[in-house]
């Protein structure tokens, strides 16, 4: 019994079994290793930390400038 049928047109289709997916899954899993997963996670965490600090810095700068305009004095 085929797992999936891909229709070339409305009347015909080609059955795809487990053997057809085996080569695709083997190729995909051979590219993934612990090193690549750790590298991707480290990049994502590093980018997230950078974005959080940038967001905090922009908010701090905006608050400092607005307070300086309101009071006429620049304080940090």
PDB file of N, CA and C in Angstrom:
ATOM      1  N   UNK A   1       0.841  -1.174   0.000  1.00  0.00           N
ATOM      2  CA  UNK A   1       0.000   0.000   0.000  1.00  0.00           C
ATOM      3  C   UNK A   1       0.888   1.240   0.000  1.00  0.00           C
ATOM      4  N   UNK A   2       0.725   2.136  -0.956  1.00  0.00           N
ATOM      5  CA  UNK A   2       1.595   3.314  -1.045  1.00  0.00           C
ATOM      6  C   UNK A   2       1.281   4.321   0.061  1.00  0.00           C
ATOM      7  N   UNK A   3       2.327   5.001   0.497  1.00  0.00           N
ATOM      8  CA  UNK A   3       2.158   6.010   1.530  1.00  0.00           C
ATOM      9  C   UNK A   3       1.554   7.293   0.977  1.00  0.00           C
ATOM     10  N   UNK A   4       1.941   7.647  -0.238  1.00  0.00           N
ATOM     11  CA  UNK A   4       1.484   8.895  -0.820  1.00  0.00           C
ATOM     12  C   UNK A   4       1.398   8.728  -2.330  1.00  0.00           C
ATOM     13  N   UNK A   5       0.501   9.409  -2.943  1.00  0.00           N
ATOM     14  CA  UNK A   5       0.386   9.384  -4.392  1.00  0.00           C
ATOM     15  C   UNK A   5       0.513  10.801  -4.913  1.00  0.00           C
ATOM     16  N   UNK A   6       1.423  10.983  -5.866  1.00  0.00           N
ATOM     17  CA  UNK A   6       1.599  12.287  -6.500  1.00  0.00           C
ATOM     18  C   UNK A   6       0.933  12.222  -7.861  1.00  0.00           C
ATOM     19  N   UNK A   7       0.033  13.128  -8.126  1.00  0.00           N
ATOM     20  CA  UNK A   7      -0.712  13.120  -9.385  1.00  0.00           C
ATOM     21  C   UNK A   7       0.006  13.970 -10.417  1.00  0.00           C
ATOM     22  N   UNK A   8       0.324  13.363 -11.554  1.00  0.00           N
ATOM     23  CA  UNK A   8       0.893  14.111 -12.670  1.00  0.00           C
ATOM     24  C   UNK A   8      -0.190  14.907 -13.378  1.00  0.00           C
ATOM     25  N   UNK A   9      -1.343  14.333 -13.512  1.00  0.00           N
ATOM     26  CA  UNK A   9      -2.530  15.041 -13.987  1.00  0.00           C
ATOM     27  C   UNK A   9      -3.715  14.470 -13.224  1.00  0.00           C
ATOM     28  N   UNK A  10      -4.899  14.844 -13.577  1.00  0.00           N
ATOM     29  CA  UNK A  10      -6.068  14.444 -12.794  1.00  0.00           C
ATOM     30  C   UNK A  10      -6.337  12.945 -12.846  1.00  0.00           C
ATOM     31  N   UNK A  11      -5.925  12.254 -13.916  1.00  0.00           N
ATOM     32  CA  UNK A  11      -6.295  10.849 -14.090  1.00  0.00           C
ATOM     33  C   UNK A  11      -5.232   9.874 -13.592  1.00  0.00           C
ATOM     34  N   UNK A  12      -3.953  10.256 -13.586  1.00  0.00           N
ATOM     35  CA  UNK A  12      -2.893   9.302 -13.236  1.00  0.00           C
ATOM     36  C   UNK A  12      -2.117   9.792 -12.027  1.00  0.00           C
ATOM     37  N   UNK A  13      -1.377   8.880 -11.434  1.00  0.00           N
ATOM     38  CA  UNK A  13      -0.534   9.222 -10.300  1.00  0.00           C
ATOM     39  C   UNK A  13       0.575   8.207 -10.158  1.00  0.00           C
ATOM     40  N   UNK A  14       1.622   8.566  -9.431  1.00  0.00           N
ATOM     41  CA  UNK A  14       2.745   7.686  -9.196  1.00  0.00           C
ATOM     42  C   UNK A  14       2.819   7.402  -7.704  1.00  0.00           C
ATOM     43  N   UNK A  15       2.880   6.137  -7.344  1.00  0.00           N
ATOM     44  CA  UNK A  15       2.945   5.765  -5.933  1.00  0.00           C
ATOM     45  C   UNK A  15       4.364   5.939  -5.421  1.00  0.00           C
ATOM     46  N   UNK A  16       4.491   6.495  -4.230  1.00  0.00           N
ATOM     47  CA  UNK A  16       5.787   6.671  -3.590  1.00  0.00           C
ATOM     48  C   UNK A  16       5.771   5.851  -2.311  1.00  0.00           C
ATOM     49  N   UNK A  17       6.721   4.938  -2.205  1.00  0.00           N
ATOM     50  CA  UNK A  17       6.792   4.081  -1.031  1.00  0.00           C
ATOM     51  C   UNK A  17       7.891   4.515  -0.084  1.00  0.00           C
ATOM     52  N   UNK A  18       8.147   3.677   0.902  1.00  0.00           N
ATOM     53  CA  UNK A  18       9.148   3.977   1.924  1.00  0.00           C
ATOM     54  C   UNK A  18      10.553   4.016   1.344  1.00  0.00           C
ATOM     55  N   UNK A  19      10.822   3.213   0.337  1.00  0.00           N
ATOM     56  CA  UNK A  19      12.160   3.182  -0.261  1.00  0.00           C
ATOM     57  C   UNK A  19      12.507   4.500  -0.933  1.00  0.00           C
ATOM     58  N   UNK A  20      11.525   5.157  -1.511  1.00  0.00           N
ATOM     59  CA  UNK A  20      11.787   6.442  -2.162  1.00  0.00           C
ATOM     60  C   UNK A  20      12.157   7.510  -1.132  1.00  0.00           C
ATOM     61  N   UNK A  21      11.543   7.461   0.029  1.00  0.00           N
ATOM     62  CA  UNK A  21      11.834   8.442   1.073  1.00  0.00           C
ATOM     63  C   UNK A  21      13.128   8.128   1.810  1.00  0.00           C
ATOM     64  N   UNK A  22      13.591   6.888   1.748  1.00  0.00           N
ATOM     65  CA  UNK A  22      14.780   6.481   2.490  1.00  0.00           C
ATOM     66  C   UNK A  22      16.008   7.272   2.055  1.00  0.00           C
ATOM     67  N   UNK A  23      16.180   7.463   0.761  1.00  0.00           N
ATOM     68  CA  UNK A  23      17.347   8.213   0.285  1.00  0.00           C
ATOM     69  C   UNK A  23      17.272   9.680   0.700  1.00  0.00           C
ATOM     70  N   UNK A  24      16.076  10.240   0.703  1.00  0.00           N
ATOM     71  CA  UNK A  24      15.914  11.639   1.109  1.00  0.00           C
ATOM     72  C   UNK A  24      16.234  11.792   2.595  1.00  0.00           C
ATOM     73  N   UNK A  25      15.690  10.908   3.417  1.00  0.00           N
ATOM     74  CA  UNK A  25      15.945  10.979   4.855  1.00  0.00           C
ATOM     75  C   UNK A  25      17.409  10.720   5.190  1.00  0.00           C
ATOM     76  N   UNK A  26      18.037   9.804   4.479  1.00  0.00           N
ATOM     77  CA  UNK A  26      19.456   9.525   4.707  1.00  0.00           C
ATOM     78  C   UNK A  26      20.298  10.740   4.368  1.00  0.00           C
ATOM     79  N   UNK A  27      19.992  11.396   3.262  1.00  0.00           N
ATOM     80  CA  UNK A  27      20.741  12.590   2.874  1.00  0.00           C
ATOM     81  C   UNK A  27      20.552  13.720   3.887  1.00  0.00           C
ATOM     82  N   UNK A  28      19.340  13.868   4.387  1.00  0.00           N
ATOM     83  CA  UNK A  28      19.080  14.937   5.360  1.00  0.00           C
ATOM     84  C   UNK A  28      19.755  14.663   6.698  1.00  0.00           C
ATOM     85  N   UNK A  29      19.666  13.439   7.182  1.00  0.00           N
ATOM     86  CA  UNK A  29      20.250  13.133   8.489  1.00  0.00           C
ATOM     87  C   UNK A  29      21.767  13.067   8.441  1.00  0.00           C
ATOM     88  N   UNK A  30      22.351  12.831   7.294  1.00  0.00           N
ATOM     89  CA  UNK A  30      23.813  12.824   7.213  1.00  0.00           C
ATOM     90  C   UNK A  30      24.373  14.238   7.313  1.00  0.00           C
ATOM     91  N   UNK A  31      23.579  15.245   7.009  1.00  0.00           N
ATOM     92  CA  UNK A  31      24.023  16.634   7.099  1.00  0.00           C
ATOM     93  C   UNK A  31      23.888  17.196   8.513  1.00  0.00           C
ATOM     94  N   UNK A  32      23.102  16.558   9.355  1.00  0.00           N
ATOM     95  CA  UNK A  32      22.847  17.063  10.704  1.00  0.00           C
ATOM     96  C   UNK A  32      23.711  16.294  11.694  1.00  0.00           C
ATOM     97  N   UNK A  33      24.444  17.040  12.523  1.00  0.00           N
ATOM     98  CA  UNK A  33      25.242  16.409  13.569  1.00  0.00           C
ATOM     99  C   UNK A  33      25.102  17.234  14.843  1.00  0.00           C
ATOM    100  N   UNK A  34      25.664  16.728  15.910  1.00  0.00           N
ATOM    101  CA  UNK A  34      25.617  17.445  17.181  1.00  0.00           C
ATOM    102  C   UNK A  34      26.333  18.786  17.044  1.00  0.00           C
ATOM    103  N   UNK A  35      27.426  18.796  16.307  1.00  0.00           N
ATOM    104  CA  UNK A  35      28.194  20.027  16.121  1.00  0.00           C
ATOM    105  C   UNK A  35      27.376  21.093  15.409  1.00  0.00           C
ATOM    106  N   UNK A  36      26.659  20.716  14.358  1.00  0.00           N
ATOM    107  CA  UNK A  36      25.866  21.710  13.641  1.00  0.00           C
ATOM    108  C   UNK A  36      24.687  22.197  14.478  1.00  0.00           C
ATOM    109  N   UNK A  37      24.070  21.313  15.237  1.00  0.00           N
ATOM    110  CA  UNK A  37      22.949  21.724  16.095  1.00  0.00           C
ATOM    111  C   UNK A  37      23.439  22.693  17.170  1.00  0.00           C
ATOM    112  N   UNK A  38      24.562  22.386  17.807  1.00  0.00           N
ATOM    113  CA  UNK A  38      25.119  23.271  18.832  1.00  0.00           C
ATOM    114  C   UNK A  38      25.533  24.601  18.211  1.00  0.00           C
ATOM    115  N   UNK A  39      26.100  24.561  17.024  1.00  0.00           N
ATOM    116  CA  UNK A  39      26.484  25.799  16.344  1.00  0.00           C
ATOM    117  C   UNK A  39      25.298  26.687  16.027  1.00  0.00           C
ATOM    118  N   UNK A  40      24.223  26.085  15.553  1.00  0.00           N
ATOM    119  CA  UNK A  40      23.015  26.858  15.247  1.00  0.00           C
ATOM    120  C   UNK A  40      22.417  27.435  16.522  1.00  0.00           C
ATOM    121  N   UNK A  41      22.334  26.624  17.573  1.00  0.00           N
ATOM    122  CA  UNK A  41      21.796  27.117  18.845  1.00  0.00           C
ATOM    123  C   UNK A  41      22.645  28.252  19.414  1.00  0.00           C
ATOM    124  N   UNK A  42      23.963  28.130  19.325  1.00  0.00           N
ATOM    125  CA  UNK A  42      24.842  29.191  19.820  1.00  0.00           C
ATOM    126  C   UNK A  42      24.653  30.473  19.019  1.00  0.00           C
ATOM    127  N   UNK A  43      24.488  30.351  17.718  1.00  0.00           N
ATOM    128  CA  UNK A  43      24.257  31.533  16.883  1.00  0.00           C
ATOM    129  C   UNK A  43      22.934  32.200  17.219  1.00  0.00           C
ATOM    130  N   UNK A  44      21.898  31.406  17.416  1.00  0.00           N
ATOM    131  CA  UNK A  44      20.574  31.955  17.736  1.00  0.00           C
ATOM    132  C   UNK A  44      20.598  32.639  19.102  1.00  0.00           C
ATOM    133  N   UNK A  45      21.215  32.004  20.090  1.00  0.00           N
ATOM    134  CA  UNK A  45      21.285  32.598  21.427  1.00  0.00           C
ATOM    135  C   UNK A  45      22.118  33.878  21.396  1.00  0.00           C
ATOM    136  N   UNK A  46      23.230  33.851  20.679  1.00  0.00           N
ATOM    137  CA  UNK A  46      24.062  35.052  20.563  1.00  0.00           C
ATOM    138  C   UNK A  46      23.330  36.203  19.896  1.00  0.00           C
ATOM    139  N   UNK A  47      22.602  35.905  18.831  1.00  0.00           N
ATOM    140  CA  UNK A  47      21.831  36.945  18.149  1.00  0.00           C
ATOM    141  C   UNK A  47      20.715  37.473  19.041  1.00  0.00           C
ATOM    142  N   UNK A  48      20.078  36.595  19.800  1.00  0.00           N
ATOM    143  CA  UNK A  48      18.999  37.026  20.696  1.00  0.00           C
ATOM    144  C   UNK A  48      19.541  37.934  21.796  1.00  0.00           C
ATOM    145  N   UNK A  49      20.678  37.593  22.353  1.00  0.00           N
ATOM    146  CA  UNK A  49      21.284  38.434  23.391  1.00  0.00           C
ATOM    147  C   UNK A  49      21.649  39.797  22.817  1.00  0.00           C
ATOM    148  N   UNK A  50      22.223  39.809  21.626  1.00  0.00           N
ATOM    149  CA  UNK A  50      22.577  41.080  20.987  1.00  0.00           C
ATOM    150  C   UNK A  50      21.339  41.936  20.739  1.00  0.00           C
ATOM    151  N   UNK A  51      20.259  41.333  20.284  1.00  0.00           N
ATOM    152  CA  UNK A  51      19.026  42.092  20.041  1.00  0.00           C
ATOM    153  C   UNK A  51      18.435  42.643  21.333  1.00  0.00           C
ATOM    154  N   UNK A  52      18.486  41.861  22.407  1.00  0.00           N
ATOM    155  CA  UNK A  52      17.956  42.334  23.693  1.00  0.00           C
ATOM    156  C   UNK A  52      18.768  43.517  24.202  1.00  0.00           C
ATOM    157  N   UNK A  53      20.099  43.436  24.132  1.00  0.00           N
ATOM    158  CA  UNK A  53      20.921  44.557  24.583  1.00  0.00           C
ATOM    159  C   UNK A  53      20.737  45.784  23.696  1.00  0.00           C
ATOM    160  N   UNK A  54      20.574  45.574  22.392  1.00  0.00           N
ATOM    161  CA  UNK A  54      20.339  46.699  21.493  1.00  0.00           C
ATOM    162  C   UNK A  54      18.997  47.356  21.812  1.00  0.00           C
ATOM    163  N   UNK A  55      17.966  46.548  22.050  1.00  0.00           N
ATOM    164  CA  UNK A  55      16.650  47.071  22.404  1.00  0.00           C
ATOM    165  C   UNK A  55      16.733  47.871  23.704  1.00  0.00           C
ATOM    166  N   UNK A  56      17.435  47.329  24.698  1.00  0.00           N
ATOM    167  CA  UNK A  56      17.591  48.015  25.973  1.00  0.00           C
ATOM    168  C   UNK A  56      18.343  49.331  25.786  1.00  0.00           C
ATOM    169  N   UNK A  57      19.403  49.318  24.994  1.00  0.00           N
ATOM    170  CA  UNK A  57      20.193  50.527  24.762  1.00  0.00           C
ATOM    171  C   UNK A  57      19.408  51.615  24.044  1.00  0.00           C
ATOM    172  N   UNK A  58      18.624  51.234  23.055  1.00  0.00           N
ATOM    173  CA  UNK A  58      17.814  52.217  22.325  1.00  0.00           C
ATOM    174  C   UNK A  58      16.766  52.822  23.250  1.00  0.00           C
ATOM    175  N   UNK A  59      16.135  52.004  24.073  1.00  0.00           N
ATOM    176  CA  UNK A  59      15.143  52.531  25.026  1.00  0.00           C
ATOM    177  C   UNK A  59      15.799  53.470  26.034  1.00  0.00           C
ATOM    178  N   UNK A  60      16.972  53.099  26.535  1.00  0.00           N
ATOM    179  CA  UNK A  60      17.698  53.941  27.492  1.00  0.00           C
ATOM    180  C   UNK A  60      18.078  55.268  26.850  1.00  0.00           C
ATOM    181  N   UNK A  61      18.571  55.236  25.632  1.00  0.00           N
ATOM    182  CA  UNK A  61      18.947  56.459  24.922  1.00  0.00           C
ATOM    183  C   UNK A  61      17.733  57.349  24.672  1.00  0.00           C
ATOM    184  N   UNK A  62      16.628  56.750  24.263  1.00  0.00           N
ATOM    185  CA  UNK A  62      15.413  57.529  24.004  1.00  0.00           C
ATOM    186  C   UNK A  62      14.903  58.172  25.293  1.00  0.00           C
ATOM    187  N   UNK A  63      14.911  57.426  26.390  1.00  0.00           N
ATOM    188  CA  UNK A  63      14.457  57.989  27.669  1.00  0.00           C
ATOM    189  C   UNK A  63      15.379  59.113  28.136  1.00  0.00           C
ATOM    190  N   UNK A  64      16.692  58.934  27.956  1.00  0.00           N
ATOM    191  CA  UNK A  64      17.654  59.956  28.362  1.00  0.00           C
ATOM    192  C   UNK A  64      17.465  61.231  27.548  1.00  0.00           C
ATOM    193  N   UNK A  65      17.304  61.090  26.251  1.00  0.00           N
ATOM    194  CA  UNK A  65      17.106  62.270  25.405  1.00  0.00           C
ATOM    195  C   UNK A  65      15.793  62.976  25.713  1.00  0.00           C
ATOM    196  N   UNK A  66      14.725  62.218  25.906  1.00  0.00           N
ATOM    197  CA  UNK A  66      13.437  62.840  26.214  1.00  0.00           C
ATOM    198  C   UNK A  66      13.486  63.549  27.568  1.00  0.00           C
ATOM    199  N   UNK A  67      14.147  62.956  28.545  1.00  0.00           N
ATOM    200  CA  UNK A  67      14.286  63.603  29.852  1.00  0.00           C
ATOM    201  C   UNK A  67      15.129  64.870  29.742  1.00  0.00           C
ATOM    202  N   UNK A  68      16.166  64.846  28.903  1.00  0.00           N
ATOM    203  CA  UNK A  68      17.009  66.028  28.716  1.00  0.00           C
ATOM    204  C   UNK A  68      16.219  67.154  28.059  1.00  0.00           C
ATOM    205  N   UNK A  69      15.393  66.839  27.090  1.00  0.00           N
ATOM    206  CA  UNK A  69      14.584  67.872  26.448  1.00  0.00           C
ATOM    207  C   UNK A  69      13.549  68.441  27.413  1.00  0.00           C
ATOM    208  N   UNK A  70      12.978  67.579  28.256  1.00  0.00           N
ATOM    209  CA  UNK A  70      11.955  68.051  29.193  1.00  0.00           C
ATOM    210  C   UNK A  70      12.545  68.948  30.283  1.00  0.00           C
ATOM    211  N   UNK A  71      13.681  68.519  30.836  1.00  0.00           N
ATOM    212  CA  UNK A  71      14.249  69.255  31.970  1.00  0.00           C
ATOM    213  C   UNK A  71      15.279  70.296  31.549  1.00  0.00           C
ATOM    214  N   UNK A  72      15.830  70.180  30.374  1.00  0.00           N
ATOM    215  CA  UNK A  72      16.874  71.110  29.941  1.00  0.00           C
ATOM    216  C   UNK A  72      18.250  70.714  30.435  1.00  0.00           C
ATOM    217  N   UNK A  73      18.383  69.542  31.069  1.00  0.00           N
ATOM    218  CA  UNK A  73      19.671  69.063  31.576  1.00  0.00           C
ATOM    219  C   UNK A  73      19.922  67.660  31.040  1.00  0.00           C
ATOM    220  N   UNK A  74      21.185  67.351  30.810  1.00  0.00           N
ATOM    221  CA  UNK A  74      21.549  66.021  30.318  1.00  0.00           C
ATOM    222  C   UNK A  74      22.181  65.233  31.460  1.00  0.00           C
ATOM    223  N   UNK A  75      21.545  64.141  31.885  1.00  0.00           N
ATOM    224  CA  UNK A  75      22.044  63.280  32.961  1.00  0.00           C
ATOM    225  C   UNK A  75      22.097  61.840  32.466  1.00  0.00           C
ATOM    226  N   UNK A  76      23.067  61.084  32.979  1.00  0.00           N
ATOM    227  CA  UNK A  76      23.159  59.663  32.636  1.00  0.00           C
ATOM    228  C   UNK A  76      22.955  58.814  33.847  1.00  0.00           C
TER     229      UNK A  76
END
